[in-house]
Amino acid sequence: MDRMKAQQQTSTNKKRPSTFAVKRTTTSTIVQVEKTRRIAANARERRRMNGLNTAFDRLRTVLPSSMFQQQRRFSKYETLQMAQSYIAALQSILQLNTSSSDNDQSLTNVSNTTDDDMDNQTHDY
């Protein structure tokens, strides 16, 4: 009997995790999960921005070189403004050539268009 009481006492004396320890473990787990999610979100945003910057670099290579006479790299906004002006100039050239009656002549005009012609069509940006 004494032996049985001793076993019961040792089994009841075993430490149970306190509610404080459970909360701390849960809180640290939540913090770790949030940190992991934040790291993943930062990596996705970094990839997105790298892709966007690559696209702007490609856009800068397609614009006429005379638009980039300055040595500095243009901002994204300035690049978009120049692209918009360039597209408007190309549209006006196509409209002028479409309205002409001689199709062969209009094709020659488009192929002979220079960067200077494009600069004359640009807007203030």
Protein backbone atom coordinates (compact mmCIF):
# COMPACT_ATOMS: atom_id res chain seq x y z
CA MET A 1 0.00 0.00 0.00
CA ASP A 2 2.75 2.39 0.89
CA ARG A 3 4.39 1.54 -2.35
CA MET A 4 1.25 2.36 -4.27
CA LYS A 5 0.91 5.73 -2.51
CA ALA A 6 4.52 6.52 -3.29
CA GLN A 7 3.99 5.75 -6.99
CA GLN A 8 0.89 7.93 -7.05
CA GLN A 9 2.76 10.79 -5.41
CA THR A 10 5.66 10.59 -7.85
CA SER A 11 3.28 10.47 -10.80
CA THR A 12 1.38 13.51 -9.51
CA ASN A 13 4.62 15.33 -8.68
CA LYS A 14 5.80 15.20 -12.30
CA LYS A 15 5.90 18.69 -13.69
CA ARG A 16 3.13 19.59 -16.05
CA PRO A 17 3.71 22.43 -18.45
CA SER A 18 2.30 25.57 -16.96
CA THR A 19 -0.08 27.67 -18.99
CA PHE A 20 2.63 30.34 -19.11
CA ALA A 21 5.09 27.91 -20.75
CA VAL A 22 2.45 26.82 -23.25
CA LYS A 23 1.67 30.45 -24.12
CA ARG A 24 5.36 31.26 -24.49
CA THR A 25 5.90 28.30 -26.82
CA THR A 26 2.83 29.21 -28.83
CA THR A 27 3.88 32.86 -29.02
CA SER A 28 7.41 32.01 -30.11
CA THR A 29 6.03 29.61 -32.73
CA ILE A 30 3.72 32.32 -34.06
CA VAL A 31 6.58 34.82 -34.16
CA GLN A 32 8.74 32.31 -36.04
CA VAL A 33 5.95 31.64 -38.57
CA GLU A 34 5.41 35.37 -39.09
CA LYS A 35 9.14 35.89 -39.57
CA THR A 36 9.27 33.08 -42.14
CA ARG A 37 6.29 34.55 -44.00
CA ARG A 38 7.87 38.02 -43.97
CA ILE A 39 11.12 36.63 -45.40
CA ALA A 40 9.18 34.87 -48.16
CA ALA A 41 7.16 38.01 -48.92
CA ASN A 42 10.35 40.09 -49.08
CA ALA A 43 11.88 37.60 -51.51
CA ARG A 44 8.78 37.74 -53.74
CA GLU A 45 8.83 41.56 -53.70
CA ARG A 46 12.56 41.58 -54.53
CA ARG A 47 11.95 39.27 -57.53
CA ARG A 48 9.03 41.44 -58.67
CA MET A 49 11.11 44.63 -58.49
CA ASN A 50 14.04 42.99 -60.28
CA GLY A 51 11.67 41.96 -63.07
CA LEU A 52 10.24 45.46 -63.26
CA ASN A 53 13.70 47.04 -63.39
CA THR A 54 14.72 44.59 -66.13
CA ALA A 55 11.64 45.58 -68.13
CA PHE A 56 12.52 49.28 -67.79
CA ASP A 57 16.09 48.58 -68.90
CA ARG A 58 14.75 46.78 -71.97
CA LEU A 59 12.40 49.68 -72.69
CA ARG A 60 15.32 52.12 -72.53
CA THR A 61 17.17 50.06 -75.15
CA VAL A 62 14.26 50.29 -77.62
CA LEU A 63 13.83 54.05 -77.43
CA PRO A 64 15.80 56.07 -79.99
CA SER A 65 19.33 56.82 -78.82
CA SER A 66 18.93 60.56 -79.50
CA MET A 67 16.46 60.68 -76.62
CA PHE A 68 19.27 59.65 -74.28
CA GLN A 69 21.85 62.34 -74.98
CA GLN A 70 22.49 62.87 -71.29
CA GLN A 71 24.89 60.61 -69.45
CA ARG A 72 22.60 59.95 -66.50
CA ARG A 73 20.10 57.12 -66.36
CA PHE A 74 16.53 58.36 -66.62
CA SER A 75 13.98 57.60 -63.93
CA LYS A 76 11.13 55.20 -64.52
CA TYR A 77 8.74 58.10 -64.89
CA GLU A 78 10.96 59.84 -67.44
CA THR A 79 11.39 56.59 -69.35
CA LEU A 80 7.63 56.12 -69.53
CA GLN A 81 7.19 59.72 -70.68
CA MET A 82 9.74 59.23 -73.45
CA ALA A 83 8.17 55.94 -74.49
CA GLN A 84 4.79 57.62 -74.64
CA SER A 85 6.20 60.41 -76.83
CA TYR A 86 7.94 57.89 -79.06
CA ILE A 87 4.75 55.88 -79.53
CA ALA A 88 2.82 59.05 -80.35
CA ALA A 89 5.46 59.99 -82.94
CA LEU A 90 5.27 56.53 -84.52
CA GLN A 91 1.47 56.77 -84.62
CA SER A 92 1.56 60.13 -86.35
CA ILE A 93 4.05 58.80 -88.92
CA LEU A 94 1.77 55.84 -89.61
CA GLN A 95 -1.26 58.11 -89.94
CA LEU A 96 0.59 60.37 -92.38
CA ASN A 97 1.72 57.39 -94.42
CA THR A 98 -1.70 55.74 -94.36
CA SER A 99 -3.38 58.87 -95.66
CA SER A 100 -1.05 59.08 -98.65
CA SER A 101 -2.35 57.39 -101.78
CA ASP A 102 0.94 55.85 -102.90
CA ASN A 103 1.60 52.75 -100.76
CA ASP A 104 5.13 52.22 -102.08
CA GLN A 105 6.07 55.78 -101.22
CA SER A 106 4.64 55.46 -97.70
CA LEU A 107 6.69 52.33 -97.00
CA THR A 108 9.82 54.17 -98.16
CA ASN A 109 9.00 57.07 -95.85
CA VAL A 110 8.69 54.79 -92.82
CA SER A 111 11.96 53.02 -93.51
CA ASN A 112 13.78 56.34 -94.02
CA THR A 113 12.55 57.80 -90.74
CA THR A 114 15.44 58.80 -88.50
CA ASP A 115 15.82 59.47 -84.81
CA ASP A 116 15.78 63.20 -85.61
CA ASP A 117 12.31 62.78 -87.11
CA MET A 118 11.20 61.14 -83.89
CA ASP A 119 12.69 63.97 -81.81
CA ASN A 120 10.65 66.51 -83.75
CA GLN A 121 7.49 64.66 -82.68
CA THR A 122 8.32 64.47 -78.96
CA HIS A 123 6.40 66.24 -76.26
CA ASP A 124 7.62 68.03 -73.16
CA TYR A 125 8.44 65.57 -70.40
